[in-house]
Amino acid sequence: MTYCCMVDKPNYKKDLTPEQYEVCWNRGTEPPFSGKHHDCKGKGIYKCVCCGNSLFTSDTKFDSGTGWPSFWTPLNRGSVKQAMDKSYGMIRTEVCVPSVVRI
């Protein structure tokens, strides 16, 4: 499903899975090595589940050993923003979509 960016937060809750909503709107994350994209080897483009913007290409995906999908560069420079994340007892880079406004 594609959304217009910056629609009301409650509208997303009815269309996203609980896990998608938690990750996208509450800065949650799935446990390491558990997400459906962790071991994905298929060719293609990874898109934002909220706004549909293209974020990464499979050609830039690599195995970081962390248990989460990792990419060495975004598809377009402005398509993502990065923030330091110190949760789970480690320092990692959280990648966010700037056009999806979160609280």
C-alpha atoms as a PDB file:
ATOM      1  CA  MET A   1       0.000   0.000   0.000  1.00  0.00           C
ATOM      2  CA  THR A   2       1.320   3.467  -0.868  1.00  0.00           C
ATOM      3  CA  TYR A   3       0.498   6.462   1.300  1.00  0.00           C
ATOM      4  CA  CYS A   4       0.743  10.171   0.833  1.00  0.00           C
ATOM      5  CA  CYS A   5       3.467  11.252   3.198  1.00  0.00           C
ATOM      6  CA  MET A   6       2.579  12.932   6.464  1.00  0.00           C
ATOM      7  CA  VAL A   7      -0.994  11.646   6.728  1.00  0.00           C
ATOM      8  CA  ASP A   8      -2.435  11.208  10.196  1.00  0.00           C
ATOM      9  CA  LYS A   9      -0.626   8.595  12.259  1.00  0.00           C
ATOM     10  CA  PRO A  10      -3.842   6.665  13.156  1.00  0.00           C
ATOM     11  CA  ASN A  11      -4.553   6.013   9.468  1.00  0.00           C
ATOM     12  CA  TYR A  12      -1.371   3.957   9.230  1.00  0.00           C
ATOM     13  CA  LYS A  13      -2.303   1.758  12.191  1.00  0.00           C
ATOM     14  CA  LYS A  14      -5.223   0.156  10.381  1.00  0.00           C
ATOM     15  CA  ASP A  15      -3.207  -0.765   7.262  1.00  0.00           C
ATOM     16  CA  LEU A  16       0.211  -1.771   8.650  1.00  0.00           C
ATOM     17  CA  THR A  17       0.977  -4.932  10.569  1.00  0.00           C
ATOM     18  CA  PRO A  18       1.632  -4.357  14.287  1.00  0.00           C
ATOM     19  CA  GLU A  19       5.365  -4.918  13.680  1.00  0.00           C
ATOM     20  CA  GLN A  20       5.469  -2.480  10.747  1.00  0.00           C
ATOM     21  CA  TYR A  21       3.670   0.144  12.806  1.00  0.00           C
ATOM     22  CA  GLU A  22       6.018  -0.322  15.780  1.00  0.00           C
ATOM     23  CA  VAL A  23       9.129  -0.018  13.606  1.00  0.00           C
ATOM     24  CA  CYS A  24       7.918   2.896  11.479  1.00  0.00           C
ATOM     25  CA  TRP A  25       6.137   5.039  14.069  1.00  0.00           C
ATOM     26  CA  ASN A  26       7.594   4.084  17.451  1.00  0.00           C
ATOM     27  CA  ARG A  27      11.227   3.553  16.395  1.00  0.00           C
ATOM     28  CA  GLY A  28      10.980  -0.114  17.297  1.00  0.00           C
ATOM     29  CA  THR A  29      12.956  -2.957  15.780  1.00  0.00           C
ATOM     30  CA  GLU A  30      12.518  -6.663  15.329  1.00  0.00           C
ATOM     31  CA  PRO A  31      14.879  -8.988  17.209  1.00  0.00           C
ATOM     32  CA  PRO A  32      18.173  -9.564  15.364  1.00  0.00           C
ATOM     33  CA  PHE A  33      18.245 -12.402  12.805  1.00  0.00           C
ATOM     34  CA  SER A  34      14.423 -12.578  12.765  1.00  0.00           C
ATOM     35  CA  GLY A  35      13.231 -10.123  10.093  1.00  0.00           C
ATOM     36  CA  LYS A  36      12.030 -11.330   6.697  1.00  0.00           C
ATOM     37  CA  HIS A  37      14.665  -9.211   4.913  1.00  0.00           C
ATOM     38  CA  HIS A  38      17.659 -10.377   6.970  1.00  0.00           C
ATOM     39  CA  ASP A  39      18.512 -13.332   4.714  1.00  0.00           C
ATOM     40  CA  CYS A  40      16.828 -12.033   1.568  1.00  0.00           C
ATOM     41  CA  LYS A  41      19.108 -12.527  -1.458  1.00  0.00           C
ATOM     42  CA  GLY A  42      16.699 -11.458  -4.201  1.00  0.00           C
ATOM     43  CA  LYS A  43      17.421  -8.598  -6.587  1.00  0.00           C
ATOM     44  CA  GLY A  44      15.323  -5.477  -6.356  1.00  0.00           C
ATOM     45  CA  ILE A  45      14.612  -2.225  -4.586  1.00  0.00           C
ATOM     46  CA  TYR A  46      13.708  -1.850  -0.911  1.00  0.00           C
ATOM     47  CA  LYS A  47      10.896   0.681  -0.390  1.00  0.00           C
ATOM     48  CA  CYS A  48       9.330   2.431   2.583  1.00  0.00           C
ATOM     49  CA  VAL A  49       6.188   0.583   3.680  1.00  0.00           C
ATOM     50  CA  CYS A  50       4.562   3.913   4.639  1.00  0.00           C
ATOM     51  CA  CYS A  51       5.237   6.258   1.719  1.00  0.00           C
ATOM     52  CA  GLY A  52       6.489   3.907  -1.010  1.00  0.00           C
ATOM     53  CA  ASN A  53       9.720   5.836  -1.616  1.00  0.00           C
ATOM     54  CA  SER A  54      12.633   3.784  -2.960  1.00  0.00           C
ATOM     55  CA  LEU A  55      15.347   3.547  -0.291  1.00  0.00           C
ATOM     56  CA  PHE A  56      17.981   0.935  -1.147  1.00  0.00           C
ATOM     57  CA  THR A  57      18.907  -1.421  -3.947  1.00  0.00           C
ATOM     58  CA  SER A  58      19.787  -5.045  -3.278  1.00  0.00           C
ATOM     59  CA  ASP A  59      23.159  -4.399  -4.929  1.00  0.00           C
ATOM     60  CA  THR A  60      24.211  -2.347  -1.875  1.00  0.00           C
ATOM     61  CA  LYS A  61      23.045  -4.876   0.746  1.00  0.00           C
ATOM     62  CA  PHE A  62      25.735  -6.664   2.767  1.00  0.00           C
ATOM     63  CA  ASP A  63      26.004  -9.029   5.727  1.00  0.00           C
ATOM     64  CA  SER A  64      27.104  -6.908   8.683  1.00  0.00           C
ATOM     65  CA  GLY A  65      26.792  -9.786  11.153  1.00  0.00           C
ATOM     66  CA  THR A  66      24.370  -7.727  13.264  1.00  0.00           C
ATOM     67  CA  GLY A  67      21.199  -9.620  12.354  1.00  0.00           C
ATOM     68  CA  TRP A  68      19.540  -6.668  10.621  1.00  0.00           C
ATOM     69  CA  PRO A  69      19.574  -5.843   6.899  1.00  0.00           C
ATOM     70  CA  SER A  70      22.511  -3.550   6.141  1.00  0.00           C
ATOM     71  CA  PHE A  71      23.226  -1.382   3.118  1.00  0.00           C
ATOM     72  CA  TRP A  72      26.367   0.566   2.318  1.00  0.00           C
ATOM     73  CA  THR A  73      24.563   3.464   0.591  1.00  0.00           C
ATOM     74  CA  PRO A  74      20.986   4.657  -0.032  1.00  0.00           C
ATOM     75  CA  LEU A  75      19.513   4.686  -3.527  1.00  0.00           C
ATOM     76  CA  ASN A  76      19.309   8.490  -3.414  1.00  0.00           C
ATOM     77  CA  ARG A  77      21.164  10.732  -0.997  1.00  0.00           C
ATOM     78  CA  GLY A  78      18.014  12.424   0.348  1.00  0.00           C
ATOM     79  CA  SER A  79      15.897   9.285   0.594  1.00  0.00           C
ATOM     80  CA  VAL A  80      17.027   8.441   4.146  1.00  0.00           C
ATOM     81  CA  LYS A  81      18.430  10.143   7.210  1.00  0.00           C
ATOM     82  CA  GLN A  82      20.653   8.518   9.797  1.00  0.00           C
ATOM     83  CA  ALA A  83      20.624   8.729  13.588  1.00  0.00           C
ATOM     84  CA  MET A  84      22.737   7.102  16.286  1.00  0.00           C
ATOM     85  CA  ASP A  85      20.892   4.313  18.110  1.00  0.00           C
ATOM     86  CA  LYS A  86      22.262   3.067  21.446  1.00  0.00           C
ATOM     87  CA  SER A  87      19.533   0.522  22.185  1.00  0.00           C
ATOM     88  CA  TYR A  88      20.125  -3.212  22.621  1.00  0.00           C
ATOM     89  CA  GLY A  89      23.454  -2.559  24.371  1.00  0.00           C
ATOM     90  CA  MET A  90      25.267  -1.497  21.204  1.00  0.00           C
ATOM     91  CA  ILE A  91      25.856   1.525  19.024  1.00  0.00           C
ATOM     92  CA  ARG A  92      24.352   1.306  15.564  1.00  0.00           C
ATOM     93  CA  THR A  93      22.959   3.562  12.888  1.00  0.00           C
ATOM     94  CA  GLU A  94      19.217   3.904  12.649  1.00  0.00           C
ATOM     95  CA  VAL A  95      17.965   4.736   9.168  1.00  0.00           C
ATOM     96  CA  CYS A  96      14.773   6.785   8.887  1.00  0.00           C
ATOM     97  CA  VAL A  97      12.702   8.093   6.015  1.00  0.00           C
ATOM     98  CA  PRO A  98      12.615  11.895   6.309  1.00  0.00           C
ATOM     99  CA  SER A  99       9.188  12.254   4.682  1.00  0.00           C
ATOM    100  CA  VAL A 100       7.504  10.008   7.271  1.00  0.00           C
ATOM    101  CA  VAL A 101       6.876  12.230  10.269  1.00  0.00           C
ATOM    102  CA  ARG A 102       7.087  10.364  13.563  1.00  0.00           C
ATOM    103  CA  ILE A 103       6.644  11.307  17.202  1.00  0.00           C
END
